[in-house]
Structures are given as C-alpha cells and as structure tokens.
C-alpha cells in the first residue's frame, strides 16, 4: 500500500526556510554538539524541503528593461498550482518520471504550456481546474481534488518568498531534467523540437518569476493568499450534489459553462 504523501510545504520546517539576501541557499554548518542534538525527525523533515538557488538571483532589472507586469501575481498562482498538482500526482517524487512530470506541468498551466496571459486569479484557477476535471486527470478526484490543490497554493503563499523561491527552484530542476530526458527520446523530429521549445520557454518563465518573487515585499503574499482563498470559496458555492460548475467572468455573461463535471 502506498503511503499518502505529506507535502513538504505542510512541514513545520517549511516555516523556517531562510535564503541569503540575494536569494541563494544559506550554508549554516552545525557545531559537533548541535549535530548530536538535532533529532532524526527534524533532519528528515529538513531534507524534504527542496533546496533554493545555488547562486545569487540576479536583479529583475538585469533580466528585462521593462517594468514587471502587474499580472505576474496571477501567473504565479497558475504556476504554483501546476507545481503542487504535479507533486501530488507523483506522490512527491517527480524524479521518477521527469518528462511525464513536465508534460503534466505544461498541460495544467496555461502560462507555461500555452503562453497564456490570465488576467485574474479566477481565470487562472478556472483553467487549472478545467484541466483537472478533464478525462486525463479526473480519476485523481476531479473537481474536489482540484479545489484541494488550491489549499496547497495558499499554503505556499502563506509561507512567503523563501518557500516559494525553493518551490520554483525545484520546479525549474523538474523542467531541466525533463528537457534532458526529452533530448534522449526519439519521437518524430518535429514533435521533439516542439516539446523542447515549450520546455525551454517554460524554464525561462519560471526563472524570471522566481527572481520576481524574491524581490516582492512580505505583505504582498498575505493579500494574494486572501484573494485565492476568496476565489476558492466562490468556486465551492457552485458545487451541487450531481453537478459542479465553475464559471469565469466571460462565461457568466455568455451563459457558457467552462467546467462541468457530472459525478
């Protein structure tokens, strides 16, 4: 029997993540006495937290001469959702299938997989939930499971920048490992080039938003977490005993349902 995976962001040690001022890992060697005191549980928990960047993150201004888009907060929600869902799908072990994990990320995230530009948190979550309710992932638990992943996103936002930088760094490693595996596979040449192009673009976007997250003030995340929670509450209000529907703003005016799951 497979033991249910306990997400690293739910661990107490996740609240203690610290990075350098430049966003890199902090090396804090323990004294011999301290090493003896650290118990096995704490050690195991810490080892489950993905490592942050190995080198300092560059200033955002060095990556782009333009002002960061105000929509990056929305795109962050989309990206974190795809990360949390992928880890839950693979029971926390994306390394068991790097290319498969990458394809899940690209299919769930409109920002990474389709170059999407969602303008509201509701729009971003609606797209993600629509994918979770698709035949490809419905056996994971459908809409109910998808709504639960929103709680994972809220948890990461509540932990603040260091935890999110570590999550995005882990996601970047996932993408990079997937790219290596994609290079070694032999699908049709045109298909291989298409996949590798999508992976490279996703890797660049993740790195950019990781640098952006590092520069944001602490107070930005509590307000974003509150918005995500409010949208989840709104989504849950649409649930019924036989149907579950989530409508985005356009769907409300057109009377068209974007997601419909028949239980």
Protein backbone atom coordinates (compact mmCIF):
# COMPACT_ATOMS: atom_id res chain seq x y z
CA UNK A 1 0.00 0.00 0.00
CA UNK A 2 1.35 3.41 -0.99
CA UNK A 3 1.67 5.79 1.94
CA UNK A 4 -0.09 9.11 1.21
CA UNK A 5 2.45 11.80 0.50
CA UNK A 6 2.75 14.60 3.02
CA UNK A 7 3.66 17.81 1.11
CA UNK A 8 6.88 19.48 2.18
CA UNK A 9 5.09 22.83 2.47
CA UNK A 10 2.95 21.38 5.27
CA UNK A 11 6.02 20.57 7.39
CA UNK A 12 6.94 22.74 10.36
CA UNK A 13 10.44 23.07 8.92
CA UNK A 14 8.98 24.83 5.86
CA UNK A 15 8.28 27.83 8.10
CA UNK A 16 11.98 28.06 8.90
CA UNK A 17 13.29 28.32 5.33
CA UNK A 18 15.89 31.05 5.04
CA UNK A 19 17.74 32.32 1.99
CA UNK A 20 20.50 34.88 1.59
CA UNK A 21 19.72 38.50 0.79
CA UNK A 22 20.40 37.64 -2.86
CA UNK A 23 18.08 34.63 -2.77
CA UNK A 24 20.70 31.86 -2.62
CA UNK A 25 20.97 28.93 -0.23
CA UNK A 26 22.35 29.68 3.20
CA UNK A 27 25.08 27.37 4.37
CA UNK A 28 24.81 27.02 8.13
CA UNK A 29 27.17 24.29 9.38
CA UNK A 30 26.24 22.88 12.77
CA UNK A 31 28.76 22.50 15.55
CA UNK A 32 29.53 18.95 16.65
CA UNK A 33 27.39 19.38 19.76
CA UNK A 34 24.45 20.80 17.78
CA UNK A 35 24.68 17.95 15.29
CA UNK A 36 24.16 15.44 18.08
CA UNK A 37 21.16 17.35 19.43
CA UNK A 38 19.30 17.51 16.11
CA UNK A 39 16.87 14.61 16.17
CA UNK A 40 16.17 12.31 13.26
CA UNK A 41 12.66 13.65 12.61
CA UNK A 42 13.85 17.22 12.21
CA UNK A 43 16.66 16.07 9.97
CA UNK A 44 14.30 14.11 7.74
CA UNK A 45 11.87 17.00 7.51
CA UNK A 46 14.61 19.42 6.51
CA UNK A 47 15.88 17.06 3.83
CA UNK A 48 12.42 17.03 2.24
CA UNK A 49 12.48 20.79 1.66
CA UNK A 50 13.75 21.47 -1.88
CA UNK A 51 16.97 23.43 -1.96
CA UNK A 52 16.95 27.03 -3.05
CA UNK A 53 19.15 28.52 -5.79
CA UNK A 54 22.83 27.59 -5.60
CA UNK A 55 23.90 31.03 -6.80
CA UNK A 56 22.51 34.51 -6.06
CA UNK A 57 19.50 35.55 -8.11
CA UNK A 58 20.12 38.47 -10.47
CA UNK A 59 18.16 41.72 -10.10
CA UNK A 60 14.97 41.67 -12.12
CA UNK A 61 16.13 44.82 -13.91
CA UNK A 62 19.02 42.84 -15.43
CA UNK A 63 16.60 40.34 -16.97
CA UNK A 64 14.24 42.85 -18.54
CA UNK A 65 14.30 46.57 -19.23
CA UNK A 66 10.51 46.70 -18.92
CA UNK A 67 8.55 47.15 -15.73
CA UNK A 68 7.24 43.82 -14.40
CA UNK A 69 3.67 43.15 -15.44
CA UNK A 70 1.06 43.58 -12.68
CA UNK A 71 -0.33 40.25 -13.89
CA UNK A 72 2.67 38.34 -12.53
CA UNK A 73 0.76 37.71 -9.30
CA UNK A 74 -1.92 35.93 -11.33
CA UNK A 75 0.67 33.99 -13.32
CA UNK A 76 2.36 32.94 -10.09
CA UNK A 77 -0.89 31.34 -8.90
CA UNK A 78 -1.16 29.43 -12.18
CA UNK A 79 2.44 28.21 -11.97
CA UNK A 80 2.30 27.22 -8.29
CA UNK A 81 -0.94 25.34 -8.91
CA UNK A 82 0.65 23.24 -11.66
CA UNK A 83 3.65 22.54 -9.40
CA UNK A 84 1.53 21.43 -6.44
CA UNK A 85 -0.71 19.27 -8.60
CA UNK A 86 2.26 17.60 -10.30
CA UNK A 87 3.90 16.75 -6.98
CA UNK A 88 0.65 15.31 -5.65
CA UNK A 89 0.17 13.30 -8.84
CA UNK A 90 3.66 11.80 -8.46
CA UNK A 91 3.41 11.40 -4.68
CA UNK A 92 6.16 13.99 -4.26
CA UNK A 93 8.64 12.17 -6.49
CA UNK A 94 8.75 13.94 -9.85
CA UNK A 95 12.21 12.45 -10.45
CA UNK A 96 10.59 9.07 -11.05
CA UNK A 97 9.31 10.41 -14.38
CA UNK A 98 10.83 13.80 -15.30
CA UNK A 99 9.39 14.04 -18.81
CA UNK A 100 5.97 12.89 -17.62
CA UNK A 101 6.08 15.49 -14.84
CA UNK A 102 6.97 18.21 -17.33
CA UNK A 103 4.07 17.26 -19.57
CA UNK A 104 1.69 17.46 -16.60
CA UNK A 105 3.00 20.93 -15.73
CA UNK A 106 2.61 22.12 -19.32
CA UNK A 107 -0.91 20.70 -19.60
CA UNK A 108 -2.19 22.21 -16.34
CA UNK A 109 -0.52 25.63 -16.53
CA UNK A 110 -1.83 27.94 -19.23
CA UNK A 111 1.08 30.33 -18.60
CA UNK A 112 3.78 27.69 -19.11
CA UNK A 113 2.06 25.35 -21.53
CA UNK A 114 0.13 27.70 -23.80
CA UNK A 115 1.76 31.08 -23.31
CA UNK A 116 -1.49 32.12 -21.65
CA UNK A 117 -1.96 35.52 -20.05
CA UNK A 118 -4.73 35.10 -17.45
CA UNK A 119 -5.78 38.47 -16.09
CA UNK A 120 -7.48 37.44 -12.86
CA UNK A 121 -6.90 34.80 -10.20
CA UNK A 122 -10.33 33.39 -11.04
CA UNK A 123 -9.36 32.99 -14.69
CA UNK A 124 -6.09 31.28 -13.75
CA UNK A 125 -7.75 28.86 -11.33
CA UNK A 126 -10.60 28.16 -13.73
CA UNK A 127 -8.18 26.99 -16.41
CA UNK A 128 -6.27 24.78 -13.96
CA UNK A 129 -9.46 23.24 -12.59
CA UNK A 130 -10.74 22.65 -16.09
CA UNK A 131 -7.65 20.54 -16.79
CA UNK A 132 -8.01 18.63 -13.52
CA UNK A 133 -11.61 17.78 -14.45
CA UNK A 134 -10.58 16.55 -17.91
CA UNK A 135 -10.57 12.80 -18.67
CA UNK A 136 -6.76 12.77 -18.33
CA UNK A 137 -6.82 13.58 -14.61
CA UNK A 138 -10.40 13.06 -13.47
CA UNK A 139 -9.51 9.76 -11.79
CA UNK A 140 -7.38 11.78 -9.35
CA UNK A 141 -10.55 13.04 -7.72
CA UNK A 142 -11.92 15.58 -10.16
CA UNK A 143 -13.07 18.97 -9.01
CA UNK A 144 -12.97 18.13 -5.31
CA UNK A 145 -9.30 17.19 -5.58
CA UNK A 146 -8.61 20.25 -7.72
CA UNK A 147 -10.10 22.54 -5.09
CA UNK A 148 -7.85 20.88 -2.51
CA UNK A 149 -4.77 21.79 -4.56
CA UNK A 150 -5.81 25.44 -4.18
CA UNK A 151 -5.17 24.96 -0.45
CA UNK A 152 -1.62 23.90 -1.34
CA UNK A 153 -1.14 27.14 -3.28
CA UNK A 154 -2.48 29.14 -0.34
CA UNK A 155 -0.05 27.32 1.98
CA UNK A 156 2.93 28.21 -0.21
CA UNK A 157 1.82 31.84 -0.47
CA UNK A 158 1.41 31.99 3.31
CA UNK A 159 4.95 30.68 3.84
CA UNK A 160 6.34 33.68 1.97
CA UNK A 161 9.08 34.34 -0.56
CA UNK A 162 11.76 31.88 0.68
CA UNK A 163 9.42 28.88 0.41
CA UNK A 164 8.12 29.97 -2.98
CA UNK A 165 11.64 30.54 -4.30
CA UNK A 166 12.51 26.99 -3.19
CA UNK A 167 9.34 25.65 -4.84
CA UNK A 168 10.09 27.47 -8.10
CA UNK A 169 13.71 26.35 -7.96
CA UNK A 170 12.51 22.75 -7.56
CA UNK A 171 10.13 23.28 -10.46
CA UNK A 172 12.97 24.62 -12.58
CA UNK A 173 15.01 21.49 -11.82
CA UNK A 174 11.99 19.43 -12.82
CA UNK A 175 11.82 21.25 -16.15
CA UNK A 176 15.57 20.91 -16.73
CA UNK A 177 15.54 17.17 -16.01
CA UNK A 178 12.57 16.78 -18.32
CA UNK A 179 14.45 18.59 -21.07
CA UNK A 180 17.43 16.24 -20.68
CA UNK A 181 15.13 13.25 -20.97
CA UNK A 182 13.32 14.76 -23.96
CA UNK A 183 16.66 15.09 -25.77
CA UNK A 184 17.34 11.39 -25.34
CA UNK A 185 13.93 10.28 -26.58
CA UNK A 186 13.21 9.66 -30.25
CA UNK A 187 9.75 10.93 -31.14
CA UNK A 188 9.10 12.46 -34.55
CA UNK A 189 11.65 15.20 -35.12
CA UNK A 190 9.04 17.95 -35.48
CA UNK A 191 7.29 16.80 -32.32
CA UNK A 192 10.57 16.61 -30.40
CA UNK A 193 11.52 20.15 -31.42
CA UNK A 194 8.08 21.41 -30.40
CA UNK A 195 8.33 19.79 -26.96
CA UNK A 196 11.86 21.05 -26.36
CA UNK A 197 10.87 24.57 -27.40
CA UNK A 198 7.94 24.54 -24.95
CA UNK A 199 10.19 23.24 -22.17
CA UNK A 200 12.84 25.91 -22.76
CA UNK A 201 10.23 28.68 -22.72
CA UNK A 202 8.72 27.30 -19.51
CA UNK A 203 12.16 27.18 -17.87
CA UNK A 204 12.81 30.84 -18.71
CA UNK A 205 9.42 31.92 -17.37
CA UNK A 206 9.93 30.03 -14.12
CA UNK A 207 13.35 31.61 -13.61
CA UNK A 208 12.02 35.10 -14.29
CA UNK A 209 9.10 34.75 -11.90
CA UNK A 210 11.40 33.22 -9.26
CA UNK A 211 13.57 36.35 -9.41
CA UNK A 212 10.43 38.49 -9.27
CA UNK A 213 9.09 36.64 -6.22
CA UNK A 214 12.38 37.17 -4.40
CA UNK A 215 12.07 40.96 -4.79
CA UNK A 216 8.48 41.30 -3.59
CA UNK A 217 7.60 42.71 -0.14
CA UNK A 218 6.41 40.30 2.53
CA UNK A 219 2.95 41.86 2.74
CA UNK A 220 2.23 41.06 -0.92
CA UNK A 221 1.68 37.38 -0.20
CA UNK A 222 -0.91 37.61 2.55
CA UNK A 223 -3.18 39.70 0.34
CA UNK A 224 -2.71 37.35 -2.63
CA UNK A 225 -3.41 34.33 -0.41
CA UNK A 226 -6.63 36.01 0.73
CA UNK A 227 -7.71 36.56 -2.89
CA UNK A 228 -7.02 32.91 -3.76
CA UNK A 229 -8.98 31.78 -0.70
CA UNK A 230 -11.91 34.01 -1.67
CA UNK A 231 -11.95 32.56 -5.19
CA UNK A 232 -11.87 29.03 -3.81
CA UNK A 233 -14.82 29.84 -1.57
CA UNK A 234 -16.72 31.22 -4.56
CA UNK A 235 -15.92 28.12 -6.58
CA UNK A 236 -17.18 25.84 -3.82
CA UNK A 237 -20.51 27.67 -3.80
CA UNK A 238 -21.13 26.31 -7.31
CA UNK A 239 -20.85 22.72 -6.20
CA UNK A 240 -24.01 20.62 -6.17
CA UNK A 241 -24.82 17.02 -5.37
CA UNK A 242 -24.82 15.94 -9.03
CA UNK A 243 -23.00 18.75 -10.79
CA UNK A 244 -20.07 21.02 -10.08
CA UNK A 245 -19.60 24.15 -12.15
CA UNK A 246 -17.04 26.88 -12.16
CA UNK A 247 -17.69 29.92 -14.29
CA UNK A 248 -15.28 32.66 -15.19
CA UNK A 249 -16.43 36.21 -15.88
CA UNK A 250 -16.83 35.68 -19.61
CA UNK A 251 -18.84 32.56 -19.03
CA UNK A 252 -21.17 34.42 -16.70
CA UNK A 253 -22.07 36.93 -19.42
CA UNK A 254 -22.38 34.32 -22.15
CA UNK A 255 -24.12 31.72 -20.01
CA UNK A 256 -21.48 29.23 -21.06
CA UNK A 257 -20.01 26.77 -18.59
CA UNK A 258 -16.24 26.35 -18.77
CA UNK A 259 -16.16 23.38 -16.42
CA UNK A 260 -18.85 20.85 -15.88
CA UNK A 261 -18.30 17.62 -14.04
CA UNK A 262 -21.05 15.03 -13.78
CA UNK A 263 -20.49 12.83 -10.79
